[in-house]
Each structure stands twice: as C-alpha cells, then as structure tokens.
C-alpha cells in the first residue's frame, strides 16, 4: 500500500530548522529512497508563497497564502510503500522532524 506523509511544523518553531537539522531530514529521506520504500517527495516553499484557488458560484477566486488558517503549516511530503499502517508508522517515527517539534500526518493513498 502507498502512504502520503505530510510533514507539518509550527512556523514559530522554524528557527530550529538550521542547516544541520535540514541536512538530517534530507539524509533520512535519501536513506528511505535508497531502501526502495520511498517513492517520491520534496520540501515545499513557505506558506507565504502559496496560492489557493476556489470556484464559488461559478467564479474563480484566487487567494495568496495557505488554504486554511492553522497553527501548523505543510513543509513537505513523501510517498512511501509499506505493507500496512504499522509498517508506515515504524518507518516514519525515525524522521528528524520530531526533533524540531514537527509532526507527520500519514494518509493511505486510494487506488483509482
């Protein structure tokens, strides 16, 4: 089964993401990719660079910024292959984002 890992963090804690912390996170991602479990992933630009689009009553609405007001913001994502949720959790719990106060949301990807 494939799982989407959504990396989130509180922007007020962003100062903890120095070069060493980023290098540790990238190293974890490279290791997962080399193992064959990691399928795809990337950090994303900050919420200040986000654009949200909606269509309401047939009208296109374009808004600068994130899709929702929230304490945590999306920092990146990965797609992994795991036998089940337990395996996905076991793999994910080694990610260094937790050392920086962040979180990872794990979502199964539906087959279409």
PDB file of N, CA and C in Angstrom:
ATOM      1  N   UNK A   1       0.847  -1.175   0.000  1.00  0.00           N
ATOM      2  CA  UNK A   1       0.000   0.000   0.000  1.00  0.00           C
ATOM      3  C   UNK A   1       0.894   1.240   0.000  1.00  0.00           C
ATOM      4  N   UNK A   2       0.394   2.282  -0.600  1.00  0.00           N
ATOM      5  CA  UNK A   2       1.131   3.551  -0.615  1.00  0.00           C
ATOM      6  C   UNK A   2       0.529   4.500   0.408  1.00  0.00           C
ATOM      7  N   UNK A   3       1.422   5.268   1.028  1.00  0.00           N
ATOM      8  CA  UNK A   3       1.018   6.243   2.040  1.00  0.00           C
ATOM      9  C   UNK A   3       1.628   7.596   1.706  1.00  0.00           C
ATOM     10  N   UNK A   4       0.843   8.634   1.943  1.00  0.00           N
ATOM     11  CA  UNK A   4       1.313  10.009   1.822  1.00  0.00           C
ATOM     12  C   UNK A   4       1.715  10.471   3.212  1.00  0.00           C
ATOM     13  N   UNK A   5       2.955  10.924   3.342  1.00  0.00           N
ATOM     14  CA  UNK A   5       3.436  11.511   4.590  1.00  0.00           C
ATOM     15  C   UNK A   5       3.429  13.014   4.392  1.00  0.00           C
ATOM     16  N   UNK A   6       2.693  13.723   5.232  1.00  0.00           N
ATOM     17  CA  UNK A   6       2.608  15.180   5.144  1.00  0.00           C
ATOM     18  C   UNK A   6       3.367  15.745   6.338  1.00  0.00           C
ATOM     19  N   UNK A   7       4.475  16.424   6.057  1.00  0.00           N
ATOM     20  CA  UNK A   7       5.306  16.990   7.110  1.00  0.00           C
ATOM     21  C   UNK A   7       4.771  18.359   7.491  1.00  0.00           C
ATOM     22  N   UNK A   8       4.489  18.558   8.774  1.00  0.00           N
ATOM     23  CA  UNK A   8       3.983  19.847   9.239  1.00  0.00           C
ATOM     24  C   UNK A   8       4.820  20.350  10.405  1.00  0.00           C
ATOM     25  N   UNK A   9       4.781  21.655  10.575  1.00  0.00           N
ATOM     26  CA  UNK A   9       5.510  22.264  11.681  1.00  0.00           C
ATOM     27  C   UNK A   9       4.844  23.585  12.036  1.00  0.00           C
ATOM     28  N   UNK A  10       5.048  24.002  13.245  1.00  0.00           N
ATOM     29  CA  UNK A  10       4.580  25.294  13.716  1.00  0.00           C
ATOM     30  C   UNK A  10       5.568  26.341  13.203  1.00  0.00           C
ATOM     31  N   UNK A  11       5.126  27.309  12.407  1.00  0.00           N
ATOM     32  CA  UNK A  11       6.057  28.282  11.842  1.00  0.00           C
ATOM     33  C   UNK A  11       6.852  29.058  12.886  1.00  0.00           C
ATOM     34  N   UNK A  12       6.315  29.184  14.096  1.00  0.00           N
ATOM     35  CA  UNK A  12       7.058  29.897  15.136  1.00  0.00           C
ATOM     36  C   UNK A  12       8.279  29.102  15.591  1.00  0.00           C
ATOM     37  N   UNK A  13       8.332  27.804  15.246  1.00  0.00           N
ATOM     38  CA  UNK A  13       9.479  26.970  15.603  1.00  0.00           C
ATOM     39  C   UNK A  13      10.475  26.851  14.460  1.00  0.00           C
ATOM     40  N   UNK A  14      10.212  27.542  13.370  1.00  0.00           N
ATOM     41  CA  UNK A  14      11.046  27.420  12.166  1.00  0.00           C
ATOM     42  C   UNK A  14      12.503  27.762  12.426  1.00  0.00           C
ATOM     43  N   UNK A  15      12.767  28.559  13.433  1.00  0.00           N
ATOM     44  CA  UNK A  15      14.159  28.920  13.727  1.00  0.00           C
ATOM     45  C   UNK A  15      14.979  27.702  14.118  1.00  0.00           C
ATOM     46  N   UNK A  16      14.321  26.617  14.550  1.00  0.00           N
ATOM     47  CA  UNK A  16      15.025  25.392  14.888  1.00  0.00           C
ATOM     48  C   UNK A  16      15.541  24.656  13.665  1.00  0.00           C
ATOM     49  N   UNK A  17      15.036  25.019  12.485  1.00  0.00           N
ATOM     50  CA  UNK A  17      15.447  24.358  11.252  1.00  0.00           C
ATOM     51  C   UNK A  17      16.684  25.040  10.675  1.00  0.00           C
ATOM     52  N   UNK A  18      17.814  24.793  11.320  1.00  0.00           N
ATOM     53  CA  UNK A  18      19.071  25.314  10.809  1.00  0.00           C
ATOM     54  C   UNK A  18      19.613  24.340   9.752  1.00  0.00           C
ATOM     55  N   UNK A  19      20.789  24.636   9.228  1.00  0.00           N
ATOM     56  CA  UNK A  19      21.373  23.802   8.172  1.00  0.00           C
ATOM     57  C   UNK A  19      21.571  22.365   8.630  1.00  0.00           C
ATOM     58  N   UNK A  20      21.957  22.172   9.880  1.00  0.00           N
ATOM     59  CA  UNK A  20      22.185  20.824  10.399  1.00  0.00           C
ATOM     60  C   UNK A  20      20.883  20.030  10.470  1.00  0.00           C
ATOM     61  N   UNK A  21      19.807  20.670  10.921  1.00  0.00           N
ATOM     62  CA  UNK A  21      18.509  19.996  11.011  1.00  0.00           C
ATOM     63  C   UNK A  21      17.998  19.640   9.617  1.00  0.00           C
ATOM     64  N   UNK A  22      18.146  20.557   8.670  1.00  0.00           N
ATOM     65  CA  UNK A  22      17.716  20.274   7.302  1.00  0.00           C
ATOM     66  C   UNK A  22      18.525  19.128   6.704  1.00  0.00           C
ATOM     67  N   UNK A  23      19.829  19.140   6.921  1.00  0.00           N
ATOM     68  CA  UNK A  23      20.691  18.075   6.409  1.00  0.00           C
ATOM     69  C   UNK A  23      20.279  16.725   6.987  1.00  0.00           C
ATOM     70  N   UNK A  24      19.906  16.706   8.247  1.00  0.00           N
ATOM     71  CA  UNK A  24      19.459  15.468   8.889  1.00  0.00           C
ATOM     72  C   UNK A  24      18.165  14.964   8.244  1.00  0.00           C
ATOM     73  N   UNK A  25      17.243  15.867   7.981  1.00  0.00           N
ATOM     74  CA  UNK A  25      15.979  15.485   7.338  1.00  0.00           C
ATOM     75  C   UNK A  25      16.232  14.976   5.921  1.00  0.00           C
ATOM     76  N   UNK A  26      17.062  15.659   5.155  1.00  0.00           N
ATOM     77  CA  UNK A  26      17.356  15.225   3.796  1.00  0.00           C
ATOM     78  C   UNK A  26      18.067  13.874   3.805  1.00  0.00           C
ATOM     79  N   UNK A  27      18.926  13.660   4.776  1.00  0.00           N
ATOM     80  CA  UNK A  27      19.620  12.371   4.905  1.00  0.00           C
ATOM     81  C   UNK A  27      18.626  11.247   5.155  1.00  0.00           C
ATOM     82  N   UNK A  28      17.631  11.499   6.015  1.00  0.00           N
ATOM     83  CA  UNK A  28      16.595  10.497   6.287  1.00  0.00           C
ATOM     84  C   UNK A  28      15.830  10.169   5.009  1.00  0.00           C
ATOM     85  N   UNK A  29      15.460  11.195   4.264  1.00  0.00           N
ATOM     86  CA  UNK A  29      14.714  10.992   3.025  1.00  0.00           C
ATOM     87  C   UNK A  29      15.545  10.210   2.017  1.00  0.00           C
ATOM     88  N   UNK A  30      16.822  10.542   1.868  1.00  0.00           N
ATOM     89  CA  UNK A  30      17.699   9.818   0.942  1.00  0.00           C
ATOM     90  C   UNK A  30      17.819   8.352   1.337  1.00  0.00           C
ATOM     91  N   UNK A  31      17.934   8.083   2.637  1.00  0.00           N
ATOM     92  CA  UNK A  31      18.033   6.705   3.122  1.00  0.00           C
ATOM     93  C   UNK A  31      16.757   5.920   2.792  1.00  0.00           C
ATOM     94  N   UNK A  32      15.612   6.534   3.023  1.00  0.00           N
ATOM     95  CA  UNK A  32      14.334   5.879   2.720  1.00  0.00           C
ATOM     96  C   UNK A  32      14.211   5.630   1.219  1.00  0.00           C
ATOM     97  N   UNK A  33      14.622   6.583   0.406  1.00  0.00           N
ATOM     98  CA  UNK A  33      14.560   6.405  -1.044  1.00  0.00           C
ATOM     99  C   UNK A  33      15.500   5.302  -1.510  1.00  0.00           C
ATOM    100  N   UNK A  34      16.711   5.238  -0.952  1.00  0.00           N
ATOM    101  CA  UNK A  34      17.663   4.189  -1.322  1.00  0.00           C
ATOM    102  C   UNK A  34      17.148   2.803  -0.958  1.00  0.00           C
ATOM    103  N   UNK A  35      16.387   2.715   0.122  1.00  0.00           N
ATOM    104  CA  UNK A  35      15.868   1.418   0.565  1.00  0.00           C
ATOM    105  C   UNK A  35      14.769   0.895  -0.354  1.00  0.00           C
ATOM    106  N   UNK A  36      14.239   1.764  -1.215  1.00  0.00           N
ATOM    107  CA  UNK A  36      13.167   1.362  -2.114  1.00  0.00           C
ATOM    108  C   UNK A  36      11.786   1.616  -1.543  1.00  0.00           C
ATOM    109  N   UNK A  37      11.702   2.011  -0.282  1.00  0.00           N
ATOM    110  CA  UNK A  37      10.415   2.287   0.359  1.00  0.00           C
ATOM    111  C   UNK A  37       9.902   3.662  -0.059  1.00  0.00           C
ATOM    112  N   UNK A  38      10.810   4.621  -0.138  1.00  0.00           N
ATOM    113  CA  UNK A  38      10.430   5.969  -0.543  1.00  0.00           C
ATOM    114  C   UNK A  38      10.232   6.036  -2.046  1.00  0.00           C
ATOM    115  N   UNK A  39       9.118   6.570  -2.465  1.00  0.00           N
ATOM    116  CA  UNK A  39       8.793   6.618  -3.888  1.00  0.00           C
ATOM    117  C   UNK A  39       8.926   8.008  -4.472  1.00  0.00           C
ATOM    118  N   UNK A  40       8.617   9.024  -3.682  1.00  0.00           N
ATOM    119  CA  UNK A  40       8.661  10.403  -4.167  1.00  0.00           C
ATOM    120  C   UNK A  40       8.538  11.321  -2.965  1.00  0.00           C
ATOM    121  N   UNK A  41       9.026  12.535  -3.079  1.00  0.00           N
ATOM    122  CA  UNK A  41       8.863  13.501  -2.007  1.00  0.00           C
ATOM    123  C   UNK A  41       9.659  14.751  -2.263  1.00  0.00           C
ATOM    124  N   UNK A  42       9.318  15.785  -1.492  1.00  0.00           N
ATOM    125  CA  UNK A  42      10.004  17.052  -1.652  1.00  0.00           C
ATOM    126  C   UNK A  42       9.587  18.005  -0.550  1.00  0.00           C
ATOM    127  N   UNK A  43      10.484  18.889  -0.135  1.00  0.00           N
ATOM    128  CA  UNK A  43      10.032  20.002   0.695  1.00  0.00           C
ATOM    129  C   UNK A  43       9.217  20.943  -0.189  1.00  0.00           C
ATOM    130  N   UNK A  44       8.422  21.786   0.423  1.00  0.00           N
ATOM    131  CA  UNK A  44       7.644  22.774  -0.329  1.00  0.00           C
ATOM    132  C   UNK A  44       8.002  24.175   0.153  1.00  0.00           C
ATOM    133  N   UNK A  45       7.729  25.149  -0.671  1.00  0.00           N
ATOM    134  CA  UNK A  45       8.013  26.543  -0.334  1.00  0.00           C
ATOM    135  C   UNK A  45       7.124  26.970   0.835  1.00  0.00           C
ATOM    136  N   UNK A  46       7.478  28.038   1.531  1.00  0.00           N
ATOM    137  CA  UNK A  46       6.690  28.514   2.678  1.00  0.00           C
ATOM    138  C   UNK A  46       5.276  28.941   2.285  1.00  0.00           C
ATOM    139  N   UNK A  47       4.401  29.023   3.281  1.00  0.00           N
ATOM    140  CA  UNK A  47       3.006  29.401   3.029  1.00  0.00           C
ATOM    141  C   UNK A  47       2.888  30.783   2.397  1.00  0.00           C
ATOM    142  N   UNK A  48       3.853  31.642   2.622  1.00  0.00           N
ATOM    143  CA  UNK A  48       3.820  32.974   2.009  1.00  0.00           C
ATOM    144  C   UNK A  48       3.859  32.879   0.480  1.00  0.00           C
ATOM    145  N   UNK A  49       4.372  31.768  -0.044  1.00  0.00           N
ATOM    146  CA  UNK A  49       4.458  31.573  -1.489  1.00  0.00           C
ATOM    147  C   UNK A  49       3.283  30.773  -2.044  1.00  0.00           C
ATOM    148  N   UNK A  50       2.343  30.408  -1.190  1.00  0.00           N
ATOM    149  CA  UNK A  50       1.204  29.590  -1.622  1.00  0.00           C
ATOM    150  C   UNK A  50       0.158  30.421  -2.351  1.00  0.00           C
ATOM    151  N   UNK A  51      -0.568  29.770  -3.227  1.00  0.00           N
ATOM    152  CA  UNK A  51      -1.733  30.347  -3.898  1.00  0.00           C
ATOM    153  C   UNK A  51      -2.858  29.336  -3.766  1.00  0.00           C
ATOM    154  N   UNK A  52      -4.016  29.777  -3.327  1.00  0.00           N
ATOM    155  CA  UNK A  52      -5.184  28.912  -3.187  1.00  0.00           C
ATOM    156  C   UNK A  52      -6.221  29.341  -4.205  1.00  0.00           C
ATOM    157  N   UNK A  53      -6.790  28.341  -4.907  1.00  0.00           N
ATOM    158  CA  UNK A  53      -7.861  28.668  -5.847  1.00  0.00           C
ATOM    159  C   UNK A  53      -9.137  27.950  -5.417  1.00  0.00           C
ATOM    160  N   UNK A  54     -10.249  28.607  -5.649  1.00  0.00           N
ATOM    161  CA  UNK A  54     -11.569  28.066  -5.360  1.00  0.00           C
ATOM    162  C   UNK A  54     -12.497  28.514  -6.476  1.00  0.00           C
ATOM    163  N   UNK A  55     -13.543  27.755  -6.677  1.00  0.00           N
ATOM    164  CA  UNK A  55     -14.613  28.197  -7.564  1.00  0.00           C
ATOM    165  C   UNK A  55     -15.887  28.196  -6.741  1.00  0.00           C
ATOM    166  N   UNK A  56     -16.482  29.370  -6.605  1.00  0.00           N
ATOM    167  CA  UNK A  56     -17.715  29.546  -5.836  1.00  0.00           C
ATOM    168  C   UNK A  56     -18.730  30.245  -6.728  1.00  0.00           C
ATOM    169  N   UNK A  57     -19.880  29.631  -6.861  1.00  0.00           N
ATOM    170  CA  UNK A  57     -20.938  30.174  -7.721  1.00  0.00           C
ATOM    171  C   UNK A  57     -20.415  30.474  -9.126  1.00  0.00           C
ATOM    172  N   UNK A  58     -19.555  29.576  -9.627  1.00  0.00           N
ATOM    173  CA  UNK A  58     -19.014  29.725 -10.969  1.00  0.00           C
ATOM    174  C   UNK A  58     -17.900  30.738 -11.116  1.00  0.00           C
ATOM    175  N   UNK A  59     -17.503  31.380 -10.022  1.00  0.00           N
ATOM    176  CA  UNK A  59     -16.462  32.403 -10.072  1.00  0.00           C
ATOM    177  C   UNK A  59     -15.150  31.844  -9.513  1.00  0.00           C
ATOM    178  N   UNK A  60     -14.068  32.072 -10.255  1.00  0.00           N
ATOM    179  CA  UNK A  60     -12.735  31.670  -9.811  1.00  0.00           C
ATOM    180  C   UNK A  60     -12.222  32.671  -8.790  1.00  0.00           C
ATOM    181  N   UNK A  61     -11.834  32.182  -7.635  1.00  0.00           N
ATOM    182  CA  UNK A  61     -11.294  33.033  -6.574  1.00  0.00           C
ATOM    183  C   UNK A  61      -9.854  32.597  -6.328  1.00  0.00           C
ATOM    184  N   UNK A  62      -8.937  33.527  -6.452  1.00  0.00           N
ATOM    185  CA  UNK A  62      -7.517  33.258  -6.242  1.00  0.00           C
ATOM    186  C   UNK A  62      -7.067  34.047  -5.027  1.00  0.00           C
ATOM    187  N   UNK A  63      -6.464  33.330  -4.062  1.00  0.00           N
ATOM    188  CA  UNK A  63      -6.023  33.955  -2.823  1.00  0.00           C
ATOM    189  C   UNK A  63      -4.554  33.637  -2.594  1.00  0.00           C
ATOM    190  N   UNK A  64      -3.775  34.634  -2.227  1.00  0.00           N
ATOM    191  CA  UNK A  64      -2.389  34.386  -1.831  1.00  0.00           C
ATOM    192  C   UNK A  64      -2.389  33.777  -0.442  1.00  0.00           C
ATOM    193  N   UNK A  65      -1.508  32.828  -0.227  1.00  0.00           N
ATOM    194  CA  UNK A  65      -1.371  32.228   1.093  1.00  0.00           C
ATOM    195  C   UNK A  65      -1.968  30.839   1.168  1.00  0.00           C
ATOM    196  N   UNK A  66      -1.904  30.250   2.359  1.00  0.00           N
ATOM    197  CA  UNK A  66      -2.331  28.857   2.538  1.00  0.00           C
ATOM    198  C   UNK A  66      -3.840  28.704   2.401  1.00  0.00           C
ATOM    199  N   UNK A  67      -4.262  27.445   2.249  1.00  0.00           N
ATOM    200  CA  UNK A  67      -5.679  27.153   2.053  1.00  0.00           C
ATOM    201  C   UNK A  67      -6.498  27.322   3.312  1.00  0.00           C
ATOM    202  N   UNK A  68      -5.839  27.318   4.484  1.00  0.00           N
ATOM    203  CA  UNK A  68      -6.584  27.433   5.744  1.00  0.00           C
ATOM    204  C   UNK A  68      -5.735  28.159   6.771  1.00  0.00           C
ATOM    205  N   UNK A  69      -6.403  28.828   7.686  1.00  0.00           N
ATOM    206  CA  UNK A  69      -5.706  29.418   8.830  1.00  0.00           C
ATOM    207  C   UNK A  69      -5.488  28.302   9.830  1.00  0.00           C
ATOM    208  N   UNK A  70      -4.247  28.008  10.128  1.00  0.00           N
ATOM    209  CA  UNK A  70      -3.928  26.902  11.013  1.00  0.00           C
ATOM    210  C   UNK A  70      -2.615  27.178  11.718  1.00  0.00           C
ATOM    211  N   UNK A  71      -2.424  26.536  12.848  1.00  0.00           N
ATOM    212  CA  UNK A  71      -1.187  26.727  13.586  1.00  0.00           C
ATOM    213  C   UNK A  71      -0.018  26.040  12.886  1.00  0.00           C
ATOM    214  N   UNK A  72      -0.246  24.834  12.363  1.00  0.00           N
ATOM    215  CA  UNK A  72       0.799  24.098  11.672  1.00  0.00           C
ATOM    216  C   UNK A  72       0.696  24.316  10.169  1.00  0.00           C
ATOM    217  N   UNK A  73       1.833  24.332   9.513  1.00  0.00           N
ATOM    218  CA  UNK A  73       1.873  24.509   8.067  1.00  0.00           C
ATOM    219  C   UNK A  73       2.577  23.314   7.433  1.00  0.00           C
ATOM    220  N   UNK A  74       2.213  23.026   6.181  1.00  0.00           N
ATOM    221  CA  UNK A  74       2.834  21.938   5.442  1.00  0.00           C
ATOM    222  C   UNK A  74       4.228  22.372   5.016  1.00  0.00           C
ATOM    223  N   UNK A  75       5.205  21.511   5.320  1.00  0.00           N
ATOM    224  CA  UNK A  75       6.592  21.793   4.966  1.00  0.00           C
ATOM    225  C   UNK A  75       7.077  20.940   3.799  1.00  0.00           C
ATOM    226  N   UNK A  76       6.424  19.805   3.588  1.00  0.00           N
ATOM    227  CA  UNK A  76       6.842  18.906   2.517  1.00  0.00           C
ATOM    228  C   UNK A  76       6.022  17.639   2.554  1.00  0.00           C
ATOM    229  N   UNK A  77       6.389  16.698   1.703  1.00  0.00           N
ATOM    230  CA  UNK A  77       5.655  15.446   1.632  1.00  0.00           C
ATOM    231  C   UNK A  77       6.565  14.332   1.141  1.00  0.00           C
ATOM    232  N   UNK A  78       6.160  13.111   1.391  1.00  0.00           N
ATOM    233  CA  UNK A  78       6.781  11.930   0.808  1.00  0.00           C
ATOM    234  C   UNK A  78       5.683  10.939   0.511  1.00  0.00           C
ATOM    235  N   UNK A  79       5.933  10.088  -0.454  1.00  0.00           N
ATOM    236  CA  UNK A  79       5.069   8.951  -0.719  1.00  0.00           C
ATOM    237  C   UNK A  79       5.922   7.719  -0.479  1.00  0.00           C
ATOM    238  N   UNK A  80       5.419   6.819   0.365  1.00  0.00           N
ATOM    239  CA  UNK A  80       6.157   5.607   0.679  1.00  0.00           C
ATOM    240  C   UNK A  80       5.295   4.389   0.367  1.00  0.00           C
ATOM    241  N   UNK A  81       5.949   3.248   0.239  1.00  0.00           N
ATOM    242  CA  UNK A  81       5.251   1.974   0.089  1.00  0.00           C
ATOM    243  C   UNK A  81       5.490   1.183   1.373  1.00  0.00           C
ATOM    244  N   UNK A  82       4.420   0.718   1.971  1.00  0.00           N
ATOM    245  CA  UNK A  82       4.511  -0.065   3.203  1.00  0.00           C
ATOM    246  C   UNK A  82       3.410  -1.123   3.191  1.00  0.00           C
ATOM    247  N   UNK A  83       3.648  -2.217   3.888  1.00  0.00           N
ATOM    248  CA  UNK A  83       2.672  -3.304   3.916  1.00  0.00           C
ATOM    249  C   UNK A  83       1.364  -2.869   4.581  1.00  0.00           C
ATOM    250  N   UNK A  84       1.486  -2.038   5.618  1.00  0.00           N
ATOM    251  CA  UNK A  84       0.304  -1.598   6.358  1.00  0.00           C
ATOM    252  C   UNK A  84       0.663  -0.354   7.166  1.00  0.00           C
ATOM    253  N   UNK A  85      -0.314   0.168   7.899  1.00  0.00           N
ATOM    254  CA  UNK A  85      -0.099   1.384   8.673  1.00  0.00           C
ATOM    255  C   UNK A  85       0.982   1.186   9.738  1.00  0.00           C
ATOM    256  N   UNK A  86       1.026   0.024  10.362  1.00  0.00           N
ATOM    257  CA  UNK A  86       2.050  -0.223  11.389  1.00  0.00           C
ATOM    258  C   UNK A  86       3.454  -0.088  10.806  1.00  0.00           C
ATOM    259  N   UNK A  87       3.665  -0.624   9.613  1.00  0.00           N
ATOM    260  CA  UNK A  87       4.969  -0.513   8.974  1.00  0.00           C
ATOM    261  C   UNK A  87       5.269   0.941   8.607  1.00  0.00           C
ATOM    262  N   UNK A  88       4.257   1.669   8.139  1.00  0.00           N
ATOM    263  CA  UNK A  88       4.439   3.083   7.795  1.00  0.00           C
ATOM    264  C   UNK A  88       4.825   3.886   9.038  1.00  0.00           C
ATOM    265  N   UNK A  89       4.164   3.618  10.160  1.00  0.00           N
ATOM    266  CA  UNK A  89       4.483   4.317  11.413  1.00  0.00           C
ATOM    267  C   UNK A  89       5.894   3.972  11.859  1.00  0.00           C
ATOM    268  N   UNK A  90       6.262   2.690  11.801  1.00  0.00           N
ATOM    269  CA  UNK A  90       7.600   2.274  12.225  1.00  0.00           C
ATOM    270  C   UNK A  90       8.677   2.980  11.414  1.00  0.00           C
ATOM    271  N   UNK A  91       8.458   3.106  10.122  1.00  0.00           N
ATOM    272  CA  UNK A  91       9.420   3.789   9.264  1.00  0.00           C
ATOM    273  C   UNK A  91       9.454   5.284   9.577  1.00  0.00           C
ATOM    274  N   UNK A  92       8.298   5.882   9.718  1.00  0.00           N
ATOM    275  CA  UNK A  92       8.175   7.326   9.870  1.00  0.00           C
ATOM    276  C   UNK A  92       8.696   7.830  11.205  1.00  0.00           C
ATOM    277  N   UNK A  93       8.594   7.034  12.248  1.00  0.00           N
ATOM    278  CA  UNK A  93       8.981   7.531  13.574  1.00  0.00           C
ATOM    279  C   UNK A  93      10.461   7.857  13.694  1.00  0.00           C
ATOM    280  N   UNK A  94      11.273   7.462  12.715  1.00  0.00           N
ATOM    281  CA  UNK A  94      12.683   7.814  12.728  1.00  0.00           C
ATOM    282  C   UNK A  94      13.000   9.146  12.071  1.00  0.00           C
ATOM    283  N   UNK A  95      11.997   9.841  11.562  1.00  0.00           N
ATOM    284  CA  UNK A  95      12.237  11.109  10.860  1.00  0.00           C
ATOM    285  C   UNK A  95      12.671  12.187  11.856  1.00  0.00           C
ATOM    286  N   UNK A  96      13.692  12.967  11.516  1.00  0.00           N
ATOM    287  CA  UNK A  96      14.190  14.008  12.420  1.00  0.00           C
ATOM    288  C   UNK A  96      13.252  15.197  12.615  1.00  0.00           C
ATOM    289  N   UNK A  97      12.136  15.266  11.904  1.00  0.00           N
ATOM    290  CA  UNK A  97      11.208  16.383  12.101  1.00  0.00           C
ATOM    291  C   UNK A  97      10.713  16.429  13.544  1.00  0.00           C
ATOM    292  N   UNK A  98      10.649  15.261  14.188  1.00  0.00           N
ATOM    293  CA  UNK A  98      10.158  15.211  15.556  1.00  0.00           C
ATOM    294  C   UNK A  98      11.124  15.899  16.522  1.00  0.00           C
ATOM    295  N   UNK A  99      12.419  15.910  16.169  1.00  0.00           N
ATOM    296  CA  UNK A  99      13.417  16.594  17.000  1.00  0.00           C
ATOM    297  C   UNK A  99      13.209  18.105  16.980  1.00  0.00           C
ATOM    298  N   UNK A 100      12.530  18.600  15.943  1.00  0.00           N
ATOM    299  CA  UNK A 100      12.309  20.034  15.785  1.00  0.00           C
ATOM    300  C   UNK A 100      10.894  20.450  16.197  1.00  0.00           C
ATOM    301  N   UNK A 101      10.127  19.518  16.776  1.00  0.00           N
ATOM    302  CA  UNK A 101       8.785  19.837  17.241  1.00  0.00           C
ATOM    303  C   UNK A 101       7.709  19.684  16.180  1.00  0.00           C
ATOM    304  N   UNK A 102       8.068  19.127  15.022  1.00  0.00           N
ATOM    305  CA  UNK A 102       7.108  18.960  13.941  1.00  0.00           C
ATOM    306  C   UNK A 102       6.291  17.681  14.081  1.00  0.00           C
ATOM    307  N   UNK A 103       5.457  17.442  13.094  1.00  0.00           N
ATOM    308  CA  UNK A 103       4.589  16.271  13.078  1.00  0.00           C
ATOM    309  C   UNK A 103       4.512  15.724  11.657  1.00  0.00           C
ATOM    310  N   UNK A 104       4.065  14.481  11.549  1.00  0.00           N
ATOM    311  CA  UNK A 104       3.844  13.863  10.248  1.00  0.00           C
ATOM    312  C   UNK A 104       2.451  13.258  10.244  1.00  0.00           C
ATOM    313  N   UNK A 105       1.654  13.668   9.279  1.00  0.00           N
ATOM    314  CA  UNK A 105       0.343  13.060   9.076  1.00  0.00           C
ATOM    315  C   UNK A 105       0.517  11.956   8.041  1.00  0.00           C
ATOM    316  N   UNK A 106       0.022  10.764   8.353  1.00  0.00           N
ATOM    317  CA  UNK A 106       0.118   9.618   7.441  1.00  0.00           C
ATOM    318  C   UNK A 106      -1.277   9.342   6.888  1.00  0.00           C
ATOM    319  N   UNK A 107      -1.381   9.333   5.561  1.00  0.00           N
ATOM    320  CA  UNK A 107      -2.675   9.046   4.916  1.00  0.00           C
ATOM    321  C   UNK A 107      -2.496   7.965   3.859  1.00  0.00           C
ATOM    322  N   UNK A 108      -3.346   6.936   3.916  1.00  0.00           N
ATOM    323  CA  UNK A 108      -3.318   5.942   2.842  1.00  0.00           C
ATOM    324  C   UNK A 108      -3.743   6.600   1.527  1.00  0.00           C
ATOM    325  N   UNK A 109      -3.107   6.190   0.445  1.00  0.00           N
ATOM    326  CA  UNK A 109      -3.461   6.717  -0.865  1.00  0.00           C
ATOM    327  C   UNK A 109      -4.444   5.738  -1.509  1.00  0.00           C
ATOM    328  N   UNK A 110      -5.569   6.256  -1.968  1.00  0.00           N
ATOM    329  CA  UNK A 110      -6.586   5.427  -2.600  1.00  0.00           C
ATOM    330  C   UNK A 110      -6.141   5.014  -3.996  1.00  0.00           C
ATOM    331  N   UNK A 111      -6.435   3.788  -4.366  1.00  0.00           N
ATOM    332  CA  UNK A 111      -6.180   3.346  -5.731  1.00  0.00           C
ATOM    333  C   UNK A 111      -7.353   3.769  -6.594  1.00  0.00           C
ATOM    334  N   UNK A 112      -7.056   4.355  -7.736  1.00  0.00           N
ATOM    335  CA  UNK A 112      -8.112   4.757  -8.661  1.00  0.00           C
ATOM    336  C   UNK A 112      -8.184   3.800  -9.814  1.00  0.00           C
TER     337      UNK A 112
END
